[in-house]
Amino acid sequence: MAKLNKEDFKKKYNERIEDVDLITELLEDVEDSFDGTDTTELETQISELQTQLTDVKQKYKERFLQGTELKEENKQKEENETNEPRKFENLFDEKGGIK
């Protein structure tokens, strides 16, 4: 069964049914039933997917982007430490371990 547009559908029923009142009633019922598409379900799905997307973006930022901030802070600390020359006495703690 092929999908028909409105005009082809009307022609098909006009050719097969002789009663004009019946044709009019059937066409009105079909147009009322299928013309106004219910979009509330689609809108709820869209809003749910948008909330899921924002959650995923937030989790991604927390996982990957905060780590780079910490790495940058560590690099800055290391650069500050390397700028100052160390003395041999400052390399080891009292127990002989490396500081």
C-alpha atoms as a PDB file:
ATOM      1  CA  MET A   1       0.000   0.000   0.000  1.00  0.00           C
ATOM      2  CA  ALA A   2       1.485   3.284  -1.125  1.00  0.00           C
ATOM      3  CA  LYS A   3       1.531   6.431   0.938  1.00  0.00           C
ATOM      4  CA  LEU A   4      -0.715   9.032  -0.682  1.00  0.00           C
ATOM      5  CA  ASN A   5      -0.768  12.776  -0.319  1.00  0.00           C
ATOM      6  CA  LYS A   6      -4.025  14.601   0.464  1.00  0.00           C
ATOM      7  CA  GLU A   7      -5.036  15.279  -3.124  1.00  0.00           C
ATOM      8  CA  ASP A   8      -4.432  11.710  -4.328  1.00  0.00           C
ATOM      9  CA  PHE A   9      -6.289  10.364  -1.304  1.00  0.00           C
ATOM     10  CA  LYS A  10      -9.307  12.598  -2.056  1.00  0.00           C
ATOM     11  CA  LYS A  11      -9.323  11.563  -5.732  1.00  0.00           C
ATOM     12  CA  LYS A  12      -9.184   7.884  -4.818  1.00  0.00           C
ATOM     13  CA  TYR A  13     -12.221   8.112  -2.532  1.00  0.00           C
ATOM     14  CA  ASN A  14     -14.139  10.385  -4.906  1.00  0.00           C
ATOM     15  CA  GLU A  15     -13.765   7.766  -7.652  1.00  0.00           C
ATOM     16  CA  ARG A  16     -14.866   4.813  -5.511  1.00  0.00           C
ATOM     17  CA  ILE A  17     -17.622   6.210  -3.293  1.00  0.00           C
ATOM     18  CA  GLU A  18     -20.759   7.721  -4.839  1.00  0.00           C
ATOM     19  CA  ASP A  19     -22.299   9.232  -1.693  1.00  0.00           C
ATOM     20  CA  VAL A  20     -20.998  12.824  -1.372  1.00  0.00           C
ATOM     21  CA  ASP A  21     -21.977  13.120   2.292  1.00  0.00           C
ATOM     22  CA  LEU A  22     -20.086   9.966   3.161  1.00  0.00           C
ATOM     23  CA  ILE A  23     -17.004  11.172   1.260  1.00  0.00           C
ATOM     24  CA  THR A  24     -17.118  14.514   3.056  1.00  0.00           C
ATOM     25  CA  GLU A  25     -17.483  12.845   6.458  1.00  0.00           C
ATOM     26  CA  LEU A  26     -14.648  10.394   5.822  1.00  0.00           C
ATOM     27  CA  LEU A  27     -12.292  13.082   4.543  1.00  0.00           C
ATOM     28  CA  GLU A  28     -13.040  15.334   7.514  1.00  0.00           C
ATOM     29  CA  ASP A  29     -12.356  12.471   9.907  1.00  0.00           C
ATOM     30  CA  VAL A  30      -9.090  11.607   8.174  1.00  0.00           C
ATOM     31  CA  GLU A  31      -7.898  15.217   8.093  1.00  0.00           C
ATOM     32  CA  ASP A  32      -8.787  15.764  11.748  1.00  0.00           C
ATOM     33  CA  SER A  33      -7.080  12.549  12.787  1.00  0.00           C
ATOM     34  CA  PHE A  34      -3.826  12.885  10.889  1.00  0.00           C
ATOM     35  CA  ASP A  35      -3.414  16.598  10.255  1.00  0.00           C
ATOM     36  CA  GLY A  36      -2.717  17.674  13.831  1.00  0.00           C
ATOM     37  CA  THR A  37       0.326  15.663  14.792  1.00  0.00           C
ATOM     38  CA  ASP A  38       0.820  15.250  18.547  1.00  0.00           C
ATOM     39  CA  THR A  39       4.222  16.692  19.375  1.00  0.00           C
ATOM     40  CA  THR A  40       4.075  16.571  23.180  1.00  0.00           C
ATOM     41  CA  GLU A  41       5.813  13.204  23.301  1.00  0.00           C
ATOM     42  CA  LEU A  42       8.586  14.431  21.032  1.00  0.00           C
ATOM     43  CA  GLU A  43       9.010  17.588  23.101  1.00  0.00           C
ATOM     44  CA  THR A  44       9.387  15.574  26.313  1.00  0.00           C
ATOM     45  CA  GLN A  45      11.971  13.330  24.652  1.00  0.00           C
ATOM     46  CA  ILE A  46      13.874  16.380  23.429  1.00  0.00           C
ATOM     47  CA  SER A  47      13.920  17.944  26.898  1.00  0.00           C
ATOM     48  CA  GLU A  48      15.079  14.667  28.480  1.00  0.00           C
ATOM     49  CA  LEU A  49      17.873  14.329  25.930  1.00  0.00           C
ATOM     50  CA  GLN A  50      18.937  17.929  26.496  1.00  0.00           C
ATOM     51  CA  THR A  51      19.214  17.346  30.252  1.00  0.00           C
ATOM     52  CA  GLN A  52      21.203  14.172  29.628  1.00  0.00           C
ATOM     53  CA  LEU A  53      23.501  16.107  27.294  1.00  0.00           C
ATOM     54  CA  THR A  54      24.176  18.799  29.881  1.00  0.00           C
ATOM     55  CA  ASP A  55      24.892  16.117  32.493  1.00  0.00           C
ATOM     56  CA  VAL A  56      27.354  14.373  30.188  1.00  0.00           C
ATOM     57  CA  LYS A  57      29.062  17.673  29.346  1.00  0.00           C
ATOM     58  CA  GLN A  58      29.401  18.484  33.053  1.00  0.00           C
ATOM     59  CA  LYS A  59      30.841  15.061  33.849  1.00  0.00           C
ATOM     60  CA  TYR A  60      33.290  15.389  30.946  1.00  0.00           C
ATOM     61  CA  LYS A  61      34.449  18.777  32.173  1.00  0.00           C
ATOM     62  CA  GLU A  62      34.851  17.473  35.713  1.00  0.00           C
ATOM     63  CA  ARG A  63      36.823  14.466  34.597  1.00  0.00           C
ATOM     64  CA  PHE A  64      39.089  15.836  31.912  1.00  0.00           C
ATOM     65  CA  LEU A  65      39.314  19.588  32.157  1.00  0.00           C
ATOM     66  CA  GLN A  66      39.909  19.896  35.900  1.00  0.00           C
ATOM     67  CA  GLY A  67      42.812  17.501  35.618  1.00  0.00           C
ATOM     68  CA  THR A  68      44.591  19.805  33.203  1.00  0.00           C
ATOM     69  CA  GLU A  69      44.147  22.708  35.595  1.00  0.00           C
ATOM     70  CA  LEU A  70      45.843  20.688  38.322  1.00  0.00           C
ATOM     71  CA  LYS A  71      48.657  19.724  35.957  1.00  0.00           C
ATOM     72  CA  GLU A  72      49.194  23.364  35.075  1.00  0.00           C
ATOM     73  CA  GLU A  73      49.373  24.275  38.765  1.00  0.00           C
ATOM     74  CA  ASN A  74      51.952  21.523  39.324  1.00  0.00           C
ATOM     75  CA  LYS A  75      54.003  22.767  36.369  1.00  0.00           C
ATOM     76  CA  GLN A  76      53.981  26.280  37.795  1.00  0.00           C
ATOM     77  CA  LYS A  77      55.155  24.968  41.170  1.00  0.00           C
ATOM     78  CA  GLU A  78      57.912  22.953  39.510  1.00  0.00           C
ATOM     79  CA  GLU A  79      59.021  25.990  37.491  1.00  0.00           C
ATOM     80  CA  ASN A  80      59.177  28.066  40.658  1.00  0.00           C
ATOM     81  CA  GLU A  81      61.219  25.395  42.388  1.00  0.00           C
ATOM     82  CA  THR A  82      63.615  24.933  39.471  1.00  0.00           C
ATOM     83  CA  ASN A  83      64.315  28.641  39.239  1.00  0.00           C
ATOM     84  CA  GLU A  84      65.984  28.560  42.644  1.00  0.00           C
ATOM     85  CA  PRO A  85      69.292  26.689  42.716  1.00  0.00           C
ATOM     86  CA  ARG A  86      69.498  23.924  45.316  1.00  0.00           C
ATOM     87  CA  LYS A  87      72.372  23.329  47.653  1.00  0.00           C
ATOM     88  CA  PHE A  88      73.725  19.865  48.279  1.00  0.00           C
ATOM     89  CA  GLU A  89      72.719  20.062  51.949  1.00  0.00           C
ATOM     90  CA  ASN A  90      69.081  20.770  50.987  1.00  0.00           C
ATOM     91  CA  LEU A  91      68.715  17.693  48.771  1.00  0.00           C
ATOM     92  CA  PHE A  92      68.512  15.177  51.616  1.00  0.00           C
ATOM     93  CA  ASP A  93      66.464  15.067  54.794  1.00  0.00           C
ATOM     94  CA  GLU A  94      67.805  14.087  58.224  1.00  0.00           C
ATOM     95  CA  LYS A  95      67.276  10.356  57.617  1.00  0.00           C
ATOM     96  CA  GLY A  96      69.157  10.368  54.336  1.00  0.00           C
ATOM     97  CA  GLY A  97      66.109  10.305  52.054  1.00  0.00           C
ATOM     98  CA  ILE A  98      65.674  12.568  49.066  1.00  0.00           C
ATOM     99  CA  LYS A  99      63.505  15.634  49.614  1.00  0.00           C
END
